[in-house]
Protein backbone atom coordinates (compact mmCIF):
# COMPACT_ATOMS: atom_id res chain seq x y z
CA MET A 1 0.28 -0.03 0.25
CA ASN A 2 1.53 3.10 -1.14
CA LYS A 3 0.84 5.94 1.73
CA GLU A 4 0.61 9.99 0.66
CA LYS A 5 2.42 12.23 2.98
CA LEU A 6 -0.10 14.78 3.62
CA ASP A 7 0.75 18.12 4.21
CA SER A 8 0.32 19.99 7.58
CA ILE A 9 -2.17 22.53 8.01
CA CYS A 10 -2.22 25.23 10.81
CA ILE A 11 -4.50 27.85 11.27
CA GLU A 12 -3.86 30.13 14.08
CA LEU A 13 -6.69 32.76 15.31
CA ASN A 14 -4.05 36.11 16.75
CA VAL A 15 -5.64 38.38 19.17
CA VAL A 16 -4.83 41.30 20.48
CA ALA A 17 -5.65 44.45 22.55
CA VAL A 18 -5.59 47.61 20.24
CA GLN A 19 -5.91 51.34 22.09
CA GLN A 20 -6.52 54.35 20.44
CA ASP A 21 -6.76 56.64 24.20
CA ALA A 22 -7.99 55.81 27.30
CA ASN A 23 -11.52 55.18 26.38
CA ASP A 24 -11.40 53.62 23.15
CA ILE A 25 -10.15 49.98 23.18
CA TRP A 26 -10.70 47.18 21.14
CA MET A 27 -9.73 43.54 20.25
CA GLN A 28 -8.52 42.70 17.01
CA GLY A 29 -8.06 39.69 15.67
CA ASP A 30 -6.14 37.87 12.53
CA LEU A 31 -5.84 34.55 11.08
CA ASP A 32 -2.13 33.14 10.22
CA ILE A 33 -2.22 30.33 7.90
CA ARG A 34 1.28 27.79 7.34
CA ILE A 35 1.40 24.94 5.46
CA ASN A 36 4.54 22.55 6.71
CA GLY A 37 5.43 25.36 8.97
CA LYS A 38 5.97 28.49 6.52
CA LYS A 39 3.26 31.11 5.51
CA PRO A 40 1.95 30.71 1.77
CA TYR A 41 1.51 34.66 1.79
CA ASP A 42 4.07 37.54 1.91
CA ASP A 43 3.60 39.15 5.55
CA SER A 44 2.19 42.47 4.46
CA ASP A 45 -1.14 40.28 2.97
CA ILE A 46 -4.20 39.44 4.59
CA VAL A 47 -5.99 36.18 4.79
CA MET A 48 -9.29 36.99 3.62
CA VAL A 49 -11.87 34.99 5.95
CA ASP A 50 -14.92 34.59 3.81
CA GLU A 51 -13.21 33.33 1.00
CA LEU A 52 -11.35 30.50 3.36
CA LEU A 53 -14.71 29.56 4.43
CA LYS A 54 -16.35 29.63 1.05
CA SER A 55 -13.84 27.04 -0.11
CA LEU A 56 -14.42 24.68 2.87
CA HIS A 57 -17.73 24.11 1.44
CA ALA A 58 -16.84 23.94 -2.00
CA ASN A 59 -14.20 22.75 -4.71
CA GLY A 60 -13.07 25.82 -6.85
CA GLU A 61 -11.29 28.75 -7.50
CA TYR A 62 -10.46 31.18 -4.01
CA PHE A 63 -8.85 34.50 -3.19
CA ILE A 64 -7.56 33.29 0.21
CA PHE A 65 -5.12 35.43 0.49
CA SER A 66 -5.23 39.11 -0.34
CA CYS A 67 -3.23 42.44 -0.10
CA CYS A 68 -4.44 44.53 3.10
CA CYS A 69 -6.30 46.92 1.47
CA GLY A 70 -8.64 43.58 0.12
CA VAL A 71 -7.67 43.87 -3.68
CA PRO A 72 -5.85 40.53 -4.14
CA GLU A 73 -4.32 41.74 -7.50
CA CYS A 74 -2.92 44.97 -5.57
CA SER A 75 -0.16 42.60 -3.86
CA GLY A 76 0.37 40.19 -7.13
CA TRP A 77 -2.55 37.33 -6.78
CA ARG A 78 -3.61 36.94 -10.16
CA ARG A 79 -5.48 33.53 -9.76
CA GLY A 80 -7.34 31.78 -6.49
CA GLN A 81 -6.25 29.25 -4.44
CA SER A 82 -7.19 26.09 -6.22
CA LYS A 83 -9.02 23.80 -3.51
CA LEU A 84 -10.02 20.29 -3.87
CA TYR A 85 -11.90 18.03 -1.28
CA PHE A 86 -9.41 15.02 -0.17
CA MET A 87 -12.64 12.63 0.14
CA GLU A 88 -13.64 13.91 -3.47
CA LYS A 89 -10.14 12.52 -4.62
CA ARG A 90 -10.47 9.10 -2.54
CA LYS A 91 -13.61 8.61 -4.05
CA HIS A 92 -12.41 9.23 -7.27
CA GLN A 93 -10.03 6.62 -7.03
CA ARG A 94 -12.07 4.07 -5.45
CA ASN A 95 -13.90 4.45 -8.82
CA MET A 96 -10.72 4.31 -10.64
CA GLU A 97 -10.07 0.92 -9.27
CA ILE A 98 -13.07 -0.96 -9.70
């Protein structure tokens, strides 16, 4: 039996308190994604949470990473990240083996 090595994916929410003045304090959170211990995007880029959540429900191409202004093309993302369900892949492999 041939075992494929799977990538390690870590998604971490970093929350910090931000203070503008004595009475203006709020919590701010950012998502960090690491694949095999490395960020697949620049430090100046952000994770688009809505696109990440959409990608969990369907195959397709999603702009999961973007410039901090919210426009992916601004920081060089010309195409979205492709996502294919692992379970669908297993299903297709089983159908081919039969």
